[in-house]
Amino acid sequence: MTAPAGSIRRNLVPGAYRGVAVTSVDGVLDEPALRSLLIGREAYRRTRFIVVRSGSRVAVVAVRKASEQPLFAPITGVDLLVGAADCAFVHDPEVDTAVPSALARAAARHAPGVRGVVVQGRYGHISFIIDPAPLRVTVREVVPPNPAKLLDQARRVLEVAEDLPPIELVPDTIDLTELAAQRPSEHYLLPCRGGGVAVAGAGTAYLDERPERQPWTLIGCERSQQIHEWFYAQRAPQLDICPRARQGGAGPVLTKCCLLEAQIEVDGERVIVPWGASLRQVTDALTELARQWEPTWAPA
């Protein structure tokens, strides 16, 4: 039987591509033909899904077996998850098909608007995604450096995250040179040289070098202001660069704050990591956002 509409959830991906078998047939891929083809056939005990190809057409079914114990057992039930009219086959050797976000990106790039996308990716492995609808997470960060560090870290995490739902990162960056233009000054003070910020036509000093005091404008966060006050016994005129303080937008947000030192923090729809967060902390933050926004999602 065809799976009921309510039983197919968005972002349906297999828990492991070793549970996906592939077979090729000559003929139609409608439900009666697939049931006739597969029921009674033996399947490996790890097999939970079968990708069925006929020429350029492809369909995906879930199968039930008489037993999960022997190495092979007869197929006793077939549920059509997505038929050939709504399914596409993609070959992209750069896609790690074990990673849900990678499957969602491949679907958006190669077959936008298609309900089911089967991907043959890295190592020749095949998997699929049905009803892709990745969670859109806004990453609020400052530039330079380019790429924005937190955005780049989150992308690197999602390249290998097999246990997170499909996530799409949406950059929301604060450009420090554009910010400086809003408050012209002959001298600017930056927290450090690491970001590579330089403002044309103005002198630039770096707080971590503890330079001689000048009539500068601090381009920095509250922690930089606190350090300035420690060094010079007074606060400086400031352009606050804190991405956490940036307002606007709705939905899940990943950002950072210099006042956090060791732990991530949940603040409503936002999860905040420390400035200089590790990949482990970024992973924890994305996991927390997924827990909040996609609490029922799990690989099939």
C-alpha atoms as a PDB file:
ATOM      1  CA  MET A   1       0.000   0.000   0.000  1.00  0.00           C
ATOM      2  CA  THR A   2       1.044   3.612  -0.474  1.00  0.00           C
ATOM      3  CA  ALA A   3       2.206   5.173   2.796  1.00  0.00           C
ATOM      4  CA  PRO A   4      -0.472   7.484   4.240  1.00  0.00           C
ATOM      5  CA  ALA A   5       0.301  11.155   3.762  1.00  0.00           C
ATOM      6  CA  GLY A   6       0.556  11.737   7.509  1.00  0.00           C
ATOM      7  CA  SER A   7       3.171   9.003   7.899  1.00  0.00           C
ATOM      8  CA  ILE A   8       5.700  10.702   5.625  1.00  0.00           C
ATOM      9  CA  ARG A   9       7.355  13.468   7.565  1.00  0.00           C
ATOM     10  CA  ARG A  10       9.484  16.208   6.118  1.00  0.00           C
ATOM     11  CA  ASN A  11      13.240  15.704   5.922  1.00  0.00           C
ATOM     12  CA  LEU A  12      12.860  11.941   5.797  1.00  0.00           C
ATOM     13  CA  VAL A  13      16.324  10.408   5.485  1.00  0.00           C
ATOM     14  CA  PRO A  14      17.560   6.894   6.283  1.00  0.00           C
ATOM     15  CA  GLY A  15      19.438   6.382   9.513  1.00  0.00           C
ATOM     16  CA  ALA A  16      22.235   4.693   7.554  1.00  0.00           C
ATOM     17  CA  TYR A  17      22.820   4.265   3.839  1.00  0.00           C
ATOM     18  CA  ARG A  18      23.659   0.604   4.421  1.00  0.00           C
ATOM     19  CA  GLY A  19      19.922   0.194   4.998  1.00  0.00           C
ATOM     20  CA  VAL A  20      19.234   1.345   1.421  1.00  0.00           C
ATOM     21  CA  ALA A  21      19.262  -1.248  -1.347  1.00  0.00           C
ATOM     22  CA  VAL A  22      19.112  -0.464  -5.057  1.00  0.00           C
ATOM     23  CA  THR A  23      17.528  -2.494  -7.825  1.00  0.00           C
ATOM     24  CA  SER A  24      16.910  -1.867 -11.519  1.00  0.00           C
ATOM     25  CA  VAL A  25      13.893  -3.105 -13.430  1.00  0.00           C
ATOM     26  CA  ASP A  26      12.422  -2.919 -16.901  1.00  0.00           C
ATOM     27  CA  GLY A  27       8.926  -1.549 -16.800  1.00  0.00           C
ATOM     28  CA  VAL A  28       6.665   0.739 -14.837  1.00  0.00           C
ATOM     29  CA  LEU A  29       7.229   1.853 -11.248  1.00  0.00           C
ATOM     30  CA  ASP A  30       3.651   2.098 -10.066  1.00  0.00           C
ATOM     31  CA  GLU A  31       2.529   0.602  -6.779  1.00  0.00           C
ATOM     32  CA  PRO A  32       1.070  -2.668  -8.112  1.00  0.00           C
ATOM     33  CA  ALA A  33       4.179  -3.360 -10.157  1.00  0.00           C
ATOM     34  CA  LEU A  34       6.482  -2.669  -7.211  1.00  0.00           C
ATOM     35  CA  ARG A  35       4.484  -4.893  -4.888  1.00  0.00           C
ATOM     36  CA  SER A  36       4.476  -7.692  -7.443  1.00  0.00           C
ATOM     37  CA  LEU A  37       8.223  -7.249  -7.961  1.00  0.00           C
ATOM     38  CA  LEU A  38       9.324  -7.129  -4.342  1.00  0.00           C
ATOM     39  CA  ILE A  39       6.949  -9.087  -2.113  1.00  0.00           C
ATOM     40  CA  GLY A  40       8.343 -12.560  -1.588  1.00  0.00           C
ATOM     41  CA  ARG A  41      11.831 -11.580  -2.707  1.00  0.00           C
ATOM     42  CA  GLU A  42      14.569 -12.060  -0.133  1.00  0.00           C
ATOM     43  CA  ALA A  43      16.184  -8.980   1.358  1.00  0.00           C
ATOM     44  CA  TYR A  44      19.242  -8.547   3.539  1.00  0.00           C
ATOM     45  CA  ARG A  45      18.396  -8.092   7.209  1.00  0.00           C
ATOM     46  CA  ARG A  46      19.756  -4.511   7.246  1.00  0.00           C
ATOM     47  CA  THR A  47      17.649  -3.457   4.273  1.00  0.00           C
ATOM     48  CA  ARG A  48      14.814  -1.090   5.198  1.00  0.00           C
ATOM     49  CA  PHE A  49      14.442   0.865   1.959  1.00  0.00           C
ATOM     50  CA  ILE A  50      14.817   0.049  -1.710  1.00  0.00           C
ATOM     51  CA  VAL A  51      15.552   2.521  -4.472  1.00  0.00           C
ATOM     52  CA  VAL A  52      14.001   1.128  -7.645  1.00  0.00           C
ATOM     53  CA  ARG A  53      15.261   2.435 -10.994  1.00  0.00           C
ATOM     54  CA  SER A  54      13.812   1.994 -14.436  1.00  0.00           C
ATOM     55  CA  GLY A  55      15.812   3.883 -17.011  1.00  0.00           C
ATOM     56  CA  SER A  56      15.892   7.512 -15.909  1.00  0.00           C
ATOM     57  CA  ARG A  57      12.949   7.069 -13.543  1.00  0.00           C
ATOM     58  CA  VAL A  58      13.271   6.230  -9.871  1.00  0.00           C
ATOM     59  CA  ALA A  59      11.008   5.463  -6.913  1.00  0.00           C
ATOM     60  CA  VAL A  60      11.654   4.750  -3.224  1.00  0.00           C
ATOM     61  CA  VAL A  61       9.894   2.159  -1.090  1.00  0.00           C
ATOM     62  CA  ALA A  62      10.097   1.026   2.514  1.00  0.00           C
ATOM     63  CA  VAL A  63       9.996  -2.725   3.037  1.00  0.00           C
ATOM     64  CA  ARG A  64       9.004  -5.053   5.842  1.00  0.00           C
ATOM     65  CA  LYS A  65      10.439  -8.534   6.178  1.00  0.00           C
ATOM     66  CA  ALA A  66       9.227 -11.729   7.786  1.00  0.00           C
ATOM     67  CA  SER A  67      12.076 -11.508  10.300  1.00  0.00           C
ATOM     68  CA  GLU A  68      15.053  -9.285  11.092  1.00  0.00           C
ATOM     69  CA  GLN A  69      17.088 -12.168  12.518  1.00  0.00           C
ATOM     70  CA  PRO A  70      18.367 -14.302   9.609  1.00  0.00           C
ATOM     71  CA  LEU A  71      20.843 -12.884   7.126  1.00  0.00           C
ATOM     72  CA  PHE A  72      18.098 -12.770   4.467  1.00  0.00           C
ATOM     73  CA  ALA A  73      14.332 -12.958   4.844  1.00  0.00           C
ATOM     74  CA  PRO A  74      11.349 -12.644   2.487  1.00  0.00           C
ATOM     75  CA  ILE A  75       9.814  -9.208   1.984  1.00  0.00           C
ATOM     76  CA  THR A  76       6.248  -9.235   3.326  1.00  0.00           C
ATOM     77  CA  GLY A  77       5.212  -5.610   2.888  1.00  0.00           C
ATOM     78  CA  VAL A  78       5.998  -2.650   0.634  1.00  0.00           C
ATOM     79  CA  ASP A  79       5.170   1.023   1.275  1.00  0.00           C
ATOM     80  CA  LEU A  80       5.666   3.442  -1.588  1.00  0.00           C
ATOM     81  CA  LEU A  81       7.343   6.498  -0.062  1.00  0.00           C
ATOM     82  CA  VAL A  82       7.712   8.517  -3.241  1.00  0.00           C
ATOM     83  CA  GLY A  83       6.727   7.562  -6.755  1.00  0.00           C
ATOM     84  CA  ALA A  84       8.562   8.135  -9.999  1.00  0.00           C
ATOM     85  CA  ALA A  85       6.523  11.235 -10.847  1.00  0.00           C
ATOM     86  CA  ASP A  86       7.839  12.984  -7.733  1.00  0.00           C
ATOM     87  CA  CYS A  87      11.364  11.589  -7.521  1.00  0.00           C
ATOM     88  CA  ALA A  88      14.737  12.443  -9.084  1.00  0.00           C
ATOM     89  CA  PHE A  89      18.101  10.690  -9.215  1.00  0.00           C
ATOM     90  CA  VAL A  90      21.211  12.810  -8.717  1.00  0.00           C
ATOM     91  CA  HIS A  91      24.872  11.857  -9.122  1.00  0.00           C
ATOM     92  CA  ASP A  92      27.175  14.176  -7.175  1.00  0.00           C
ATOM     93  CA  PRO A  93      30.426  12.570  -5.965  1.00  0.00           C
ATOM     94  CA  GLU A  94      31.075  15.477  -3.562  1.00  0.00           C
ATOM     95  CA  VAL A  95      28.025  14.693  -1.398  1.00  0.00           C
ATOM     96  CA  ASP A  96      28.442  12.616   1.756  1.00  0.00           C
ATOM     97  CA  THR A  97      25.112  10.819   1.679  1.00  0.00           C
ATOM     98  CA  ALA A  98      25.332   9.937   5.380  1.00  0.00           C
ATOM     99  CA  VAL A  99      24.876  13.624   6.272  1.00  0.00           C
ATOM    100  CA  PRO A 100      21.278  14.952   6.218  1.00  0.00           C
ATOM    101  CA  SER A 101      22.293  18.582   5.570  1.00  0.00           C
ATOM    102  CA  ALA A 102      24.408  17.438   2.615  1.00  0.00           C
ATOM    103  CA  LEU A 103      21.436  15.550   1.157  1.00  0.00           C
ATOM    104  CA  ALA A 104      19.228  18.630   1.558  1.00  0.00           C
ATOM    105  CA  ARG A 105      21.803  20.861  -0.145  1.00  0.00           C
ATOM    106  CA  ALA A 106      22.110  18.410  -3.023  1.00  0.00           C
ATOM    107  CA  ALA A 107      18.331  18.308  -3.402  1.00  0.00           C
ATOM    108  CA  ALA A 108      18.093  22.117  -3.474  1.00  0.00           C
ATOM    109  CA  ARG A 109      20.973  22.409  -5.944  1.00  0.00           C
ATOM    110  CA  HIS A 110      20.075  19.647  -8.381  1.00  0.00           C
ATOM    111  CA  ALA A 111      16.317  19.030  -8.035  1.00  0.00           C
ATOM    112  CA  PRO A 112      14.560  21.978  -6.401  1.00  0.00           C
ATOM    113  CA  GLY A 113      10.866  21.438  -5.750  1.00  0.00           C
ATOM    114  CA  VAL A 114      11.030  17.663  -6.175  1.00  0.00           C
ATOM    115  CA  ARG A 115       9.566  15.676  -3.261  1.00  0.00           C
ATOM    116  CA  GLY A 116      12.069  12.827  -3.304  1.00  0.00           C
ATOM    117  CA  VAL A 117      15.721  13.042  -4.294  1.00  0.00           C
ATOM    118  CA  VAL A 118      17.973   9.992  -4.485  1.00  0.00           C
ATOM    119  CA  VAL A 119      21.660  10.887  -4.366  1.00  0.00           C
ATOM    120  CA  GLN A 120      24.616   8.803  -5.451  1.00  0.00           C
ATOM    121  CA  GLY A 121      27.447  10.570  -3.710  1.00  0.00           C
ATOM    122  CA  ARG A 122      30.885  10.103  -2.205  1.00  0.00           C
ATOM    123  CA  TYR A 123      32.299   6.558  -2.310  1.00  0.00           C
ATOM    124  CA  GLY A 124      29.426   5.654  -4.653  1.00  0.00           C
ATOM    125  CA  HIS A 125      27.046   5.396  -1.690  1.00  0.00           C
ATOM    126  CA  ILE A 126      23.346   5.982  -2.356  1.00  0.00           C
ATOM    127  CA  SER A 127      20.770   7.492  -0.022  1.00  0.00           C
ATOM    128  CA  PHE A 128      17.753   9.787  -0.321  1.00  0.00           C
ATOM    129  CA  ILE A 129      15.773  12.628   1.203  1.00  0.00           C
ATOM    130  CA  ILE A 130      11.997  13.006   0.970  1.00  0.00           C
ATOM    131  CA  ASP A 131      10.163  16.302   1.453  1.00  0.00           C
ATOM    132  CA  PRO A 132      13.307  18.338   2.140  1.00  0.00           C
ATOM    133  CA  ALA A 133      12.626  21.384   4.327  1.00  0.00           C
ATOM    134  CA  PRO A 134      15.865  22.245   6.106  1.00  0.00           C
ATOM    135  CA  LEU A 135      15.765  24.241   9.310  1.00  0.00           C
ATOM    136  CA  ARG A 136      16.916  27.781   8.485  1.00  0.00           C
ATOM    137  CA  VAL A 137      19.324  29.022  11.137  1.00  0.00           C
ATOM    138  CA  THR A 138      20.469  32.645  11.033  1.00  0.00           C
ATOM    139  CA  VAL A 139      24.151  32.973  11.908  1.00  0.00           C
ATOM    140  CA  ARG A 140      24.798  36.449  13.300  1.00  0.00           C
ATOM    141  CA  GLU A 141      28.484  37.331  13.130  1.00  0.00           C
ATOM    142  CA  VAL A 142      31.002  40.067  12.312  1.00  0.00           C
ATOM    143  CA  VAL A 143      33.333  40.447   9.313  1.00  0.00           C
ATOM    144  CA  PRO A 144      36.209  40.611   8.678  1.00  0.00           C
ATOM    145  CA  PRO A 145      37.664  38.047   8.877  1.00  0.00           C
ATOM    146  CA  ASN A 146      36.151  36.512   5.778  1.00  0.00           C
ATOM    147  CA  PRO A 147      34.554  34.072   5.778  1.00  0.00           C
ATOM    148  CA  ALA A 148      32.854  34.974   9.051  1.00  0.00           C
ATOM    149  CA  LYS A 149      34.384  32.587  11.575  1.00  0.00           C
ATOM    150  CA  LEU A 150      31.216  31.361  13.292  1.00  0.00           C
ATOM    151  CA  LEU A 151      29.494  30.838   9.950  1.00  0.00           C
ATOM    152  CA  ASP A 152      32.473  28.888   8.652  1.00  0.00           C
ATOM    153  CA  GLN A 153      32.613  26.772  11.818  1.00  0.00           C
ATOM    154  CA  ALA A 154      28.901  25.959  11.579  1.00  0.00           C
ATOM    155  CA  ARG A 155      29.327  24.948   7.928  1.00  0.00           C
ATOM    156  CA  ARG A 156      32.214  22.663   8.859  1.00  0.00           C
ATOM    157  CA  VAL A 157      30.137  21.039  11.586  1.00  0.00           C
ATOM    158  CA  LEU A 158      27.250  20.413   9.191  1.00  0.00           C
ATOM    159  CA  GLU A 159      29.573  18.808   6.659  1.00  0.00           C
ATOM    160  CA  VAL A 160      29.921  15.802   8.984  1.00  0.00           C
ATOM    161  CA  ALA A 161      26.877  15.969  11.295  1.00  0.00           C
ATOM    162  CA  GLU A 162      25.075  12.671  10.749  1.00  0.00           C
ATOM    163  CA  ASP A 163      22.709  13.067  13.720  1.00  0.00           C
ATOM    164  CA  LEU A 164      21.407  16.600  13.098  1.00  0.00           C
ATOM    165  CA  PRO A 165      18.386  17.361  10.914  1.00  0.00           C
ATOM    166  CA  PRO A 166      18.975  19.130   7.619  1.00  0.00           C
ATOM    167  CA  ILE A 167      20.017  22.695   8.433  1.00  0.00           C
ATOM    168  CA  GLU A 168      20.463  25.674   6.112  1.00  0.00           C
ATOM    169  CA  LEU A 169      22.669  28.492   7.415  1.00  0.00           C
ATOM    170  CA  VAL A 170      21.581  32.057   6.672  1.00  0.00           C
ATOM    171  CA  PRO A 171      24.372  34.647   7.135  1.00  0.00           C
ATOM    172  CA  ASP A 172      23.601  37.908   8.937  1.00  0.00           C
ATOM    173  CA  THR A 173      26.912  39.717   9.154  1.00  0.00           C
ATOM    174  CA  ILE A 174      28.010  43.018  10.655  1.00  0.00           C
ATOM    175  CA  ASP A 175      30.741  44.589   8.503  1.00  0.00           C
ATOM    176  CA  LEU A 176      33.172  46.397  10.789  1.00  0.00           C
ATOM    177  CA  THR A 177      34.453  48.757   8.080  1.00  0.00           C
ATOM    178  CA  GLU A 178      30.874  49.795   7.244  1.00  0.00           C
ATOM    179  CA  LEU A 179      30.219  50.233  10.944  1.00  0.00           C
ATOM    180  CA  ALA A 180      33.252  52.528  11.258  1.00  0.00           C
ATOM    181  CA  ALA A 181      31.937  54.705   8.443  1.00  0.00           C
ATOM    182  CA  GLN A 182      28.928  55.543  10.613  1.00  0.00           C
ATOM    183  CA  ARG A 183      31.217  57.233  13.140  1.00  0.00           C
ATOM    184  CA  PRO A 184      34.180  58.869  11.362  1.00  0.00           C
ATOM    185  CA  SER A 185      37.339  59.210  13.444  1.00  0.00           C
ATOM    186  CA  GLU A 186      41.002  59.908  12.844  1.00  0.00           C
ATOM    187  CA  HIS A 187      41.931  56.996  15.107  1.00  0.00           C
ATOM    188  CA  TYR A 188      40.313  53.606  15.694  1.00  0.00           C
ATOM    189  CA  LEU A 189      41.116  50.978  18.286  1.00  0.00           C
ATOM    190  CA  LEU A 190      40.471  47.336  17.391  1.00  0.00           C
ATOM    191  CA  PRO A 191      40.569  44.414  19.842  1.00  0.00           C
ATOM    192  CA  CYS A 192      43.415  42.689  17.965  1.00  0.00           C
ATOM    193  CA  ARG A 193      45.054  42.261  14.574  1.00  0.00           C
ATOM    194  CA  GLY A 194      43.478  38.835  14.060  1.00  0.00           C
ATOM    195  CA  GLY A 195      40.422  40.109  12.200  1.00  0.00           C
ATOM    196  CA  GLY A 196      42.460  42.008   9.629  1.00  0.00           C
ATOM    197  CA  VAL A 197      40.399  45.179  10.004  1.00  0.00           C
ATOM    198  CA  ALA A 198      41.848  48.413   8.656  1.00  0.00           C
ATOM    199  CA  VAL A 199      39.942  51.644   8.103  1.00  0.00           C
ATOM    200  CA  ALA A 200      41.175  53.633   5.118  1.00  0.00           C
ATOM    201  CA  GLY A 201      42.370  57.146   5.943  1.00  0.00           C
ATOM    202  CA  ALA A 202      42.480  56.572   9.703  1.00  0.00           C
ATOM    203  CA  GLY A 203      45.077  55.409  12.184  1.00  0.00           C
ATOM    204  CA  THR A 204      44.498  51.953  13.619  1.00  0.00           C
ATOM    205  CA  ALA A 205      45.756  50.572  16.921  1.00  0.00           C
ATOM    206  CA  TYR A 206      45.144  47.235  18.598  1.00  0.00           C
ATOM    207  CA  LEU A 207      44.024  46.853  22.173  1.00  0.00           C
ATOM    208  CA  ASP A 208      45.894  43.607  22.827  1.00  0.00           C
ATOM    209  CA  GLU A 209      49.165  45.480  22.163  1.00  0.00           C
ATOM    210  CA  ARG A 210      48.309  48.022  24.883  1.00  0.00           C
ATOM    211  CA  PRO A 211      49.279  51.046  22.798  1.00  0.00           C
ATOM    212  CA  GLU A 212      49.806  54.538  24.111  1.00  0.00           C
ATOM    213  CA  ARG A 213      46.460  56.253  24.698  1.00  0.00           C
ATOM    214  CA  GLN A 214      45.085  58.285  21.798  1.00  0.00           C
ATOM    215  CA  PRO A 215      41.751  59.997  21.107  1.00  0.00           C
ATOM    216  CA  TRP A 216      40.421  56.926  19.347  1.00  0.00           C
ATOM    217  CA  THR A 217      37.063  55.287  18.823  1.00  0.00           C
ATOM    218  CA  LEU A 218      36.891  51.708  20.029  1.00  0.00           C
ATOM    219  CA  ILE A 219      35.420  49.261  17.552  1.00  0.00           C
ATOM    220  CA  GLY A 220      34.737  46.412  19.907  1.00  0.00           C
ATOM    221  CA  CYS A 221      32.487  44.638  22.344  1.00  0.00           C
ATOM    222  CA  GLU A 222      31.791  45.096  26.038  1.00  0.00           C
ATOM    223  CA  ARG A 223      34.751  42.912  27.016  1.00  0.00           C
ATOM    224  CA  SER A 224      37.039  45.123  24.927  1.00  0.00           C
ATOM    225  CA  GLN A 225      35.583  48.142  26.709  1.00  0.00           C
ATOM    226  CA  GLN A 226      36.276  46.534  30.070  1.00  0.00           C
ATOM    227  CA  ILE A 227      39.880  45.827  29.058  1.00  0.00           C
ATOM    228  CA  HIS A 228      40.222  49.415  27.863  1.00  0.00           C
ATOM    229  CA  GLU A 229      38.991  50.660  31.201  1.00  0.00           C
ATOM    230  CA  TRP A 230      41.492  48.394  32.966  1.00  0.00           C
ATOM    231  CA  PHE A 231      44.384  49.674  30.848  1.00  0.00           C
ATOM    232  CA  TYR A 232      43.498  53.361  30.735  1.00  0.00           C
ATOM    233  CA  ALA A 233      41.204  53.893  33.742  1.00  0.00           C
ATOM    234  CA  GLN A 234      38.383  55.138  31.546  1.00  0.00           C
ATOM    235  CA  ARG A 235      35.934  53.949  28.942  1.00  0.00           C
ATOM    236  CA  ALA A 236      36.337  54.929  25.306  1.00  0.00           C
ATOM    237  CA  PRO A 237      33.902  56.249  22.702  1.00  0.00           C
ATOM    238  CA  GLN A 238      32.684  53.034  21.151  1.00  0.00           C
ATOM    239  CA  LEU A 239      31.077  51.366  18.171  1.00  0.00           C
ATOM    240  CA  ASP A 240      29.624  48.207  19.716  1.00  0.00           C
ATOM    241  CA  ILE A 241      30.185  45.200  17.447  1.00  0.00           C
ATOM    242  CA  CYS A 242      28.416  42.608  19.632  1.00  0.00           C
ATOM    243  CA  PRO A 243      26.428  40.330  17.298  1.00  0.00           C
ATOM    244  CA  ARG A 244      24.308  39.237  20.237  1.00  0.00           C
ATOM    245  CA  ALA A 245      23.000  42.801  20.574  1.00  0.00           C
ATOM    246  CA  ARG A 246      21.869  42.918  16.943  1.00  0.00           C
ATOM    247  CA  GLN A 247      18.080  42.851  16.726  1.00  0.00           C
ATOM    248  CA  GLY A 248      15.648  41.860  14.018  1.00  0.00           C
ATOM    249  CA  GLY A 249      14.470  38.735  12.281  1.00  0.00           C
ATOM    250  CA  ALA A 250      12.626  35.739  13.633  1.00  0.00           C
ATOM    251  CA  GLY A 251      13.367  32.065  14.031  1.00  0.00           C
ATOM    252  CA  PRO A 252      16.440  30.212  15.264  1.00  0.00           C
ATOM    253  CA  VAL A 253      19.623  32.264  15.615  1.00  0.00           C
ATOM    254  CA  LEU A 254      23.202  31.200  16.285  1.00  0.00           C
ATOM    255  CA  THR A 255      25.455  33.992  17.499  1.00  0.00           C
ATOM    256  CA  LYS A 256      28.278  34.719  19.922  1.00  0.00           C
ATOM    257  CA  CYS A 257      29.133  36.981  22.840  1.00  0.00           C
ATOM    258  CA  CYS A 258      32.461  38.041  24.318  1.00  0.00           C
ATOM    259  CA  LEU A 259      31.069  37.929  27.861  1.00  0.00           C
ATOM    260  CA  LEU A 260      30.632  34.163  27.683  1.00  0.00           C
ATOM    261  CA  GLU A 261      33.807  32.272  28.457  1.00  0.00           C
ATOM    262  CA  ALA A 262      33.135  28.554  28.786  1.00  0.00           C
ATOM    263  CA  GLN A 263      29.476  27.654  28.192  1.00  0.00           C
ATOM    264  CA  ILE A 264      26.865  28.175  25.511  1.00  0.00           C
ATOM    265  CA  GLU A 265      23.714  30.046  26.513  1.00  0.00           C
ATOM    266  CA  VAL A 266      20.103  29.725  25.393  1.00  0.00           C
ATOM    267  CA  ASP A 267      18.252  33.036  25.124  1.00  0.00           C
ATOM    268  CA  GLY A 268      14.771  32.548  23.698  1.00  0.00           C
ATOM    269  CA  GLU A 269      15.096  31.685  20.031  1.00  0.00           C
ATOM    270  CA  ARG A 270      18.849  32.283  20.118  1.00  0.00           C
ATOM    271  CA  VAL A 271      21.755  30.120  21.165  1.00  0.00           C
ATOM    272  CA  ILE A 272      24.930  32.018  21.976  1.00  0.00           C
ATOM    273  CA  VAL A 273      28.450  30.636  22.004  1.00  0.00           C
ATOM    274  CA  PRO A 274      31.546  32.269  23.496  1.00  0.00           C
ATOM    275  CA  TRP A 275      33.721  34.486  21.324  1.00  0.00           C
ATOM    276  CA  GLY A 276      36.415  32.092  20.139  1.00  0.00           C
ATOM    277  CA  ALA A 277      34.095  29.080  20.461  1.00  0.00           C
ATOM    278  CA  SER A 278      35.409  25.606  19.708  1.00  0.00           C
ATOM    279  CA  LEU A 279      33.846  23.328  17.101  1.00  0.00           C
ATOM    280  CA  ARG A 280      32.496  21.272  19.995  1.00  0.00           C
ATOM    281  CA  GLN A 281      30.668  24.319  21.361  1.00  0.00           C
ATOM    282  CA  VAL A 282      29.299  25.179  17.902  1.00  0.00           C
ATOM    283  CA  THR A 283      28.105  21.585  17.566  1.00  0.00           C
ATOM    284  CA  ASP A 284      26.397  21.801  20.946  1.00  0.00           C
ATOM    285  CA  ALA A 285      24.716  25.054  19.909  1.00  0.00           C
ATOM    286  CA  LEU A 286      23.379  23.605  16.647  1.00  0.00           C
ATOM    287  CA  THR A 287      22.195  20.536  18.536  1.00  0.00           C
ATOM    288  CA  GLU A 288      20.308  22.756  20.978  1.00  0.00           C
ATOM    289  CA  LEU A 289      18.673  24.709  18.131  1.00  0.00           C
ATOM    290  CA  ALA A 290      17.636  21.434  16.486  1.00  0.00           C
ATOM    291  CA  ARG A 291      16.217  20.207  19.803  1.00  0.00           C
ATOM    292  CA  GLN A 292      14.131  23.363  20.139  1.00  0.00           C
ATOM    293  CA  TRP A 293      12.938  23.689  16.555  1.00  0.00           C
ATOM    294  CA  GLU A 294      12.813  20.090  15.294  1.00  0.00           C
ATOM    295  CA  PRO A 295      12.144  18.116  18.488  1.00  0.00           C
ATOM    296  CA  THR A 296      10.521  15.143  16.753  1.00  0.00           C
ATOM    297  CA  TRP A 297      13.036  14.734  13.940  1.00  0.00           C
ATOM    298  CA  ALA A 298      15.115  11.570  13.788  1.00  0.00           C
ATOM    299  CA  PRO A 299      16.620   9.567  10.922  1.00  0.00           C
ATOM    300  CA  ALA A 300      14.227   6.894   9.674  1.00  0.00           C
END
